[in-house]
Amino acid sequence: MSRNLQYNNGVAQIEDLVKEYLDYLEIEKNRSASTRENYKRYLDRFIGVSGIKSANDITEEAVRTFRVQLARPEANLKKRTQSYHIIAIRNFLKYLTIHDYKVVSPDKIELPKVPARQIDIIKYDDLERLLSAPKGNSLSALRDRAILETLFSTGLRVSELCKLDRFINIDGGELTIRGKGEKLRVVFLSDRAKAALKDYIKKRPDAEEALFISLSHAKTPKVLGRMVPRTVERLVVKYTRAAGIMGKVTPHQLRHQFATDLLSNGADLRSVQELLGHSSITTTQIYTHVTNRELREIHKAFHGKRRQ
């Protein structure tokens, strides 16, 4: 990557190094624009709070002081968000080290301990009511039913769902998805998802490329273009209420339901990792505490026998 750095007394300015690093993330590492934006926000906050002018100013003490400020109540940041800041600093230091800048070793920057994520799962009966909540044969109802069935059948992220195009091979039941980091994976459509998609597409009066389209609220709905994630989120909330489910359900929670359903029915962790598009199996392991069928059966077989 070509460099166009500004120097002050022979030292590269930190803002230019950050920009160079962010370009590297986006171009060389194929990170998404949202990842670049998040890393920029974390590093800008570190630079602003610490008053750093050059890479040489990034010391263990500077990072430690920054961590203290992140943890203060007035910062109002969750432990996980605090951790993301430190991860960004560590990865930035790794980049600088590779490019021969004399900076503190990234290995000396310890990550804060973050509590395990709590996965919210709704009961299976509630899930079935949710999937069946869109009623009638209007275009919007057929679309909404197809969206819910597709989310649960594939475990897609909502952004991935919105990028789907209309002319997919429904009968084949396989979709190739370009997910985070431009990684490709294959997901599969259940028979119910196939049927819902066919009913919806058959009703479509337009030639729009997008699979899922926004519709006006007129008596004869007008096609407004490709759906966006926020619209899908509102749609899921609407049908959560219609199904009489207490609490909040999101499109991402249907991704959780997809994973836990597979694991609780005997799927192996590696396969679920592939289907979800997780880079690390550690990410997939967050589901195992609610789905470990073997441990459940052991508990049932051996616990409390004297009380029976």
Protein backbone atom coordinates (compact mmCIF):
# COMPACT_ATOMS: atom_id res chain seq x y z
CA MET A 1 0.00 0.00 0.00
CA SER A 2 1.42 3.40 -0.97
CA ARG A 3 1.99 5.87 1.83
CA ASN A 4 1.20 9.55 1.90
CA LEU A 5 2.08 10.40 5.48
CA GLN A 6 2.53 13.80 7.04
CA TYR A 7 5.57 14.18 9.31
CA ASN A 8 6.27 16.46 12.26
CA ASN A 9 9.97 16.66 13.12
CA GLY A 10 10.52 13.44 11.21
CA VAL A 11 7.72 11.56 13.03
CA ALA A 12 4.60 10.35 11.22
CA GLN A 13 1.43 11.96 12.57
CA ILE A 14 -0.89 9.54 14.34
CA GLU A 15 -4.00 10.54 12.36
CA ASP A 16 -2.28 9.57 9.10
CA LEU A 17 -1.17 6.24 10.55
CA VAL A 18 -4.74 5.51 11.63
CA LYS A 19 -6.04 6.33 8.16
CA GLU A 20 -3.41 4.10 6.59
CA TYR A 21 -4.41 1.28 8.96
CA LEU A 22 -8.12 1.72 8.20
CA ASP A 23 -7.39 1.61 4.46
CA TYR A 24 -5.46 -1.59 5.07
CA LEU A 25 -8.42 -3.12 6.91
CA GLU A 26 -10.82 -2.27 4.12
CA ILE A 27 -8.66 -3.02 1.09
CA GLU A 28 -6.22 -5.73 2.17
CA LYS A 29 -8.30 -7.49 4.83
CA ASN A 30 -11.69 -7.06 3.12
CA ARG A 31 -13.33 -5.68 6.25
CA SER A 32 -16.72 -4.05 5.79
CA ALA A 33 -17.33 -0.30 5.80
CA SER A 34 -19.08 -0.63 9.17
CA THR A 35 -16.03 -2.37 10.66
CA ARG A 36 -13.82 0.45 9.39
CA GLU A 37 -16.19 3.01 10.89
CA ASN A 38 -16.21 1.25 14.27
CA TYR A 39 -12.41 0.95 14.39
CA LYS A 40 -12.07 4.62 13.46
CA ARG A 41 -14.40 5.60 16.30
CA TYR A 42 -12.50 3.49 18.85
CA LEU A 43 -9.07 4.74 17.78
CA ASP A 44 -10.20 8.36 17.49
CA ARG A 45 -11.51 8.19 21.04
CA PHE A 46 -8.21 6.75 22.27
CA ILE A 47 -6.21 9.47 20.49
CA GLY A 48 -8.52 12.24 21.69
CA VAL A 49 -8.57 11.13 25.32
CA SER A 50 -4.84 10.28 25.49
CA GLY A 51 -3.55 13.28 23.55
CA ILE A 52 -1.33 11.04 21.41
CA LYS A 53 0.57 12.73 18.58
CA SER A 54 2.68 9.86 17.20
CA ALA A 55 3.02 6.08 17.37
CA ASN A 56 5.82 6.49 19.94
CA ASP A 57 3.29 7.98 22.36
CA ILE A 58 1.32 4.71 22.55
CA THR A 59 2.64 3.27 25.80
CA GLU A 60 1.35 0.76 28.32
CA GLU A 61 0.66 3.66 30.66
CA ALA A 62 -1.34 5.54 27.99
CA VAL A 63 -3.49 2.46 27.31
CA ARG A 64 -3.94 1.77 31.04
CA THR A 65 -5.08 5.37 31.69
CA PHE A 66 -7.48 5.13 28.74
CA ARG A 67 -8.97 1.90 30.11
CA VAL A 68 -9.61 3.57 33.47
CA GLN A 69 -11.48 6.38 31.73
CA LEU A 70 -13.55 3.93 29.68
CA ALA A 71 -14.58 2.13 32.87
CA ARG A 72 -15.79 5.24 34.68
CA PRO A 73 -19.57 5.54 35.17
CA GLU A 74 -19.74 8.81 33.25
CA ALA A 75 -18.40 7.06 30.13
CA ASN A 76 -21.55 4.87 30.19
CA LEU A 77 -19.91 2.04 28.21
CA LYS A 78 -20.65 -1.66 28.57
CA LYS A 79 -17.78 -4.04 29.31
CA ARG A 80 -18.03 -5.48 25.81
CA THR A 81 -17.79 -2.01 24.24
CA GLN A 82 -14.78 -1.21 26.42
CA SER A 83 -13.20 -4.45 25.19
CA TYR A 84 -13.76 -3.47 21.54
CA HIS A 85 -11.71 -0.30 22.12
CA ILE A 86 -8.77 -2.30 23.48
CA ILE A 87 -9.02 -4.85 20.67
CA ALA A 88 -8.82 -2.01 18.15
CA ILE A 89 -5.71 -0.60 19.87
CA ARG A 90 -4.02 -4.02 19.97
CA ASN A 91 -4.70 -4.68 16.30
CA PHE A 92 -3.46 -1.20 15.39
CA LEU A 93 -0.26 -1.91 17.34
CA LYS A 94 0.17 -5.22 15.48
CA TYR A 95 -0.07 -3.34 12.19
CA LEU A 96 2.48 -0.75 13.31
CA THR A 97 4.85 -3.46 14.55
CA ILE A 98 4.71 -5.28 11.20
CA HIS A 99 5.63 -1.99 9.50
CA ASP A 100 8.64 -1.49 11.77
CA TYR A 101 7.31 1.33 13.95
CA LYS A 102 8.83 1.28 17.43
CA VAL A 103 5.74 0.84 19.58
CA VAL A 104 4.81 -1.10 22.71
CA SER A 105 4.31 -4.80 22.03
CA PRO A 106 0.64 -5.66 21.38
CA ASP A 107 1.08 -8.71 23.64
CA LYS A 108 1.57 -6.39 26.61
CA ILE A 109 -1.94 -4.97 26.15
CA GLU A 110 -4.24 -7.31 28.04
CA LEU A 111 -7.89 -7.55 27.07
CA PRO A 112 -10.47 -6.95 29.80
CA LYS A 113 -12.45 -9.96 30.95
CA VAL A 114 -15.96 -9.81 29.48
CA PRO A 115 -18.90 -11.75 30.92
CA ALA A 116 -20.20 -14.50 28.63
CA ARG A 117 -22.95 -13.33 26.33
CA GLN A 118 -26.47 -14.22 27.37
CA ILE A 119 -28.44 -15.64 24.45
CA ASP A 120 -32.17 -14.99 24.63
CA ILE A 121 -34.19 -17.88 23.26
CA ILE A 122 -37.98 -18.04 22.98
CA LYS A 123 -39.90 -21.26 23.49
CA TYR A 124 -40.58 -23.41 20.45
CA ASP A 125 -44.37 -22.88 20.69
CA ASP A 126 -43.79 -19.12 20.70
CA LEU A 127 -41.50 -19.47 17.68
CA GLU A 128 -44.17 -21.36 15.74
CA ARG A 129 -46.75 -18.70 16.56
CA LEU A 130 -44.36 -16.01 15.38
CA LEU A 131 -43.64 -17.76 12.08
CA SER A 132 -47.37 -18.20 11.50
CA ALA A 133 -48.33 -14.67 12.55
CA PRO A 134 -48.62 -13.08 9.06
CA LYS A 135 -52.20 -13.85 8.01
CA GLY A 136 -53.93 -13.70 4.66
CA ASN A 137 -52.81 -13.78 1.05
CA SER A 138 -51.97 -10.14 0.46
CA LEU A 139 -48.57 -9.39 -1.05
CA SER A 140 -47.32 -7.91 2.23
CA ALA A 141 -48.49 -10.90 4.29
CA LEU A 142 -46.91 -13.38 1.85
CA ARG A 143 -43.68 -11.36 1.88
CA ASP A 144 -43.60 -11.21 5.67
CA ARG A 145 -44.22 -14.95 6.01
CA ALA A 146 -41.41 -15.61 3.52
CA ILE A 147 -39.05 -13.32 5.45
CA LEU A 148 -39.69 -15.01 8.80
CA GLU A 149 -39.38 -18.52 7.37
CA THR A 150 -36.19 -17.61 5.48
CA LEU A 151 -34.58 -16.08 8.57
CA PHE A 152 -35.28 -19.16 10.66
CA SER A 153 -34.39 -21.63 7.90
CA THR A 154 -31.03 -20.07 7.00
CA GLY A 155 -29.77 -18.21 10.07
CA LEU A 156 -28.98 -15.22 7.84
CA ARG A 157 -27.97 -11.89 9.30
CA VAL A 158 -30.62 -9.28 8.52
CA SER A 159 -28.17 -7.38 6.27
CA GLU A 160 -27.56 -10.59 4.30
CA LEU A 161 -31.30 -11.19 3.95
CA CYS A 162 -31.85 -7.71 2.54
CA LYS A 163 -29.13 -8.23 -0.09
CA LEU A 164 -30.81 -11.32 -1.57
CA ASP A 165 -31.93 -10.99 -5.18
CA ARG A 166 -35.17 -12.25 -6.58
CA PHE A 167 -33.94 -14.79 -9.08
CA ILE A 168 -32.63 -17.45 -6.73
CA ASN A 169 -32.95 -21.20 -7.16
CA ILE A 170 -35.72 -21.90 -4.68
CA ASP A 171 -36.29 -25.49 -5.81
CA GLY A 172 -32.58 -26.26 -5.36
CA GLY A 173 -32.85 -25.00 -1.81
CA GLU A 174 -29.27 -23.68 -1.61
CA LEU A 175 -28.18 -20.06 -1.44
CA THR A 176 -24.59 -18.81 -1.67
CA ILE A 177 -24.14 -15.91 0.71
CA ARG A 178 -21.36 -13.35 0.81
CA GLY A 179 -21.10 -12.52 4.48
CA LYS A 180 -18.78 -10.62 6.78
CA GLY A 181 -15.28 -10.13 5.44
CA GLU A 182 -16.54 -11.07 1.97
CA LYS A 183 -16.52 -14.75 3.02
CA LEU A 184 -18.76 -17.08 1.00
CA ARG A 185 -20.92 -19.75 2.60
CA VAL A 186 -23.88 -21.90 1.63
CA VAL A 187 -27.19 -21.85 3.48
CA PHE A 188 -30.26 -24.00 2.93
CA LEU A 189 -33.99 -23.44 2.60
CA SER A 190 -36.44 -25.63 4.49
CA ASP A 191 -39.54 -26.95 2.72
CA ARG A 192 -41.65 -24.37 4.56
CA ALA A 193 -39.31 -21.56 3.50
CA LYS A 194 -39.43 -22.75 -0.12
CA ALA A 195 -43.23 -22.83 -0.11
CA ALA A 196 -43.47 -19.36 1.47
CA LEU A 197 -41.00 -17.89 -1.03
CA LYS A 198 -42.81 -19.41 -4.01
CA ASP A 199 -46.18 -18.06 -2.85
CA TYR A 200 -44.67 -14.61 -2.36
CA ILE A 201 -42.82 -14.44 -5.68
CA LYS A 202 -45.86 -15.72 -7.57
CA LYS A 203 -47.80 -12.73 -6.20
CA ARG A 204 -45.14 -10.17 -7.17
CA PRO A 205 -46.40 -7.81 -9.92
CA ASP A 206 -43.06 -6.06 -10.46
CA ALA A 207 -39.69 -6.71 -12.05
CA GLU A 208 -37.54 -5.42 -9.18
CA GLU A 209 -34.25 -7.27 -8.72
CA ALA A 210 -34.49 -7.39 -4.92
CA LEU A 211 -36.04 -10.49 -3.36
CA PHE A 212 -37.64 -8.61 -0.48
CA ILE A 213 -39.20 -5.26 -1.34
CA SER A 214 -40.72 -2.44 0.66
CA LEU A 215 -44.37 -1.68 -0.06
CA SER A 216 -46.48 1.42 0.41
CA HIS A 217 -49.55 1.26 2.66
CA ALA A 218 -51.98 2.10 -0.13
CA LYS A 219 -54.92 -0.19 -0.97
CA THR A 220 -52.96 -1.21 -4.04
CA PRO A 221 -49.41 -1.26 -2.62
CA LYS A 222 -46.68 0.45 -4.57
CA VAL A 223 -43.22 -1.09 -4.71
CA LEU A 224 -40.73 1.24 -3.00
CA GLY A 225 -37.53 -0.71 -3.65
CA ARG A 226 -35.28 -3.08 -1.72
CA MET A 227 -36.06 -3.59 1.96
CA VAL A 228 -33.55 -2.27 4.49
CA PRO A 229 -32.64 -3.94 7.81
CA ARG A 230 -34.56 -1.42 9.92
CA THR A 231 -37.78 -2.28 8.08
CA VAL A 232 -37.26 -6.00 8.72
CA GLU A 233 -36.60 -5.28 12.41
CA ARG A 234 -39.90 -3.39 12.70
CA LEU A 235 -41.66 -6.22 10.89
CA VAL A 236 -40.39 -8.81 13.40
CA VAL A 237 -41.47 -6.62 16.33
CA LYS A 238 -44.94 -6.28 14.77
CA TYR A 239 -45.42 -10.04 14.49
CA THR A 240 -43.92 -10.69 17.91
CA ARG A 241 -46.75 -8.62 19.36
CA ALA A 242 -49.32 -10.24 17.07
CA ALA A 243 -48.18 -13.67 18.31
CA GLY A 244 -48.62 -12.57 21.93
CA ILE A 245 -44.95 -13.10 22.80
CA MET A 246 -43.70 -11.22 25.85
CA GLY A 247 -40.43 -9.32 25.45
CA LYS A 248 -38.54 -8.27 22.37
CA VAL A 249 -37.66 -10.52 19.42
CA THR A 250 -35.28 -9.33 16.69
CA PRO A 251 -34.14 -10.75 13.34
CA HIS A 252 -30.83 -11.60 14.99
CA GLN A 253 -32.67 -13.59 17.61
CA LEU A 254 -34.10 -15.75 14.82
CA ARG A 255 -30.46 -16.42 13.89
CA HIS A 256 -29.95 -17.56 17.49
CA GLN A 257 -33.05 -19.75 17.22
CA PHE A 258 -31.65 -21.31 14.04
CA ALA A 259 -28.36 -22.20 15.75
CA THR A 260 -29.87 -23.54 18.95
CA ASP A 261 -32.44 -25.58 17.02
CA LEU A 262 -29.66 -27.30 15.06
CA LEU A 263 -27.49 -27.97 18.11
CA SER A 264 -30.35 -29.19 20.29
CA ASN A 265 -31.29 -31.69 17.58
CA GLY A 266 -27.79 -33.13 17.40
CA ALA A 267 -25.87 -31.01 14.85
CA ASP A 268 -22.13 -30.70 15.52
CA LEU A 269 -20.60 -27.37 16.44
CA ARG A 270 -18.30 -27.16 13.40
CA SER A 271 -21.21 -27.54 10.97
CA VAL A 272 -23.20 -24.85 12.75
CA GLN A 273 -20.13 -22.60 12.63
CA GLU A 274 -20.01 -23.03 8.84
CA LEU A 275 -23.73 -22.37 8.41
CA LEU A 276 -23.56 -19.21 10.52
CA GLY A 277 -20.40 -17.95 8.80
CA HIS A 278 -18.46 -17.52 12.06
CA SER A 279 -14.72 -17.05 11.61
CA SER A 280 -13.99 -18.62 14.98
CA ILE A 281 -15.69 -21.57 16.63
CA THR A 282 -15.40 -19.67 19.91
CA THR A 283 -18.19 -17.41 18.67
CA THR A 284 -20.41 -20.41 17.95
CA GLN A 285 -19.75 -21.86 21.39
CA ILE A 286 -21.96 -19.21 23.01
CA TYR A 287 -24.90 -21.41 22.06
CA THR A 288 -23.72 -24.59 23.72
CA HIS A 289 -24.75 -23.65 27.27
CA VAL A 290 -28.41 -23.78 26.23
CA THR A 291 -28.24 -26.64 23.78
CA ASN A 292 -25.93 -29.32 25.15
CA ARG A 293 -28.32 -32.23 24.79
CA GLU A 294 -25.80 -34.74 26.08
CA LEU A 295 -25.37 -32.93 29.38
CA ARG A 296 -29.14 -32.55 29.67
CA GLU A 297 -29.59 -36.30 29.23
CA ILE A 298 -26.83 -37.05 31.76
CA HIS A 299 -28.52 -34.76 34.29
CA LYS A 300 -31.88 -36.42 33.67
CA ALA A 301 -30.44 -39.92 34.01
CA PHE A 302 -28.30 -39.44 37.11
CA HIS A 303 -29.51 -36.44 39.14
CA GLY A 304 -31.78 -36.83 42.16
CA LYS A 305 -32.25 -40.60 41.93
CA ARG A 306 -32.60 -40.92 45.75
CA ARG A 307 -35.57 -38.56 45.70
CA GLN A 308 -37.61 -40.66 43.29
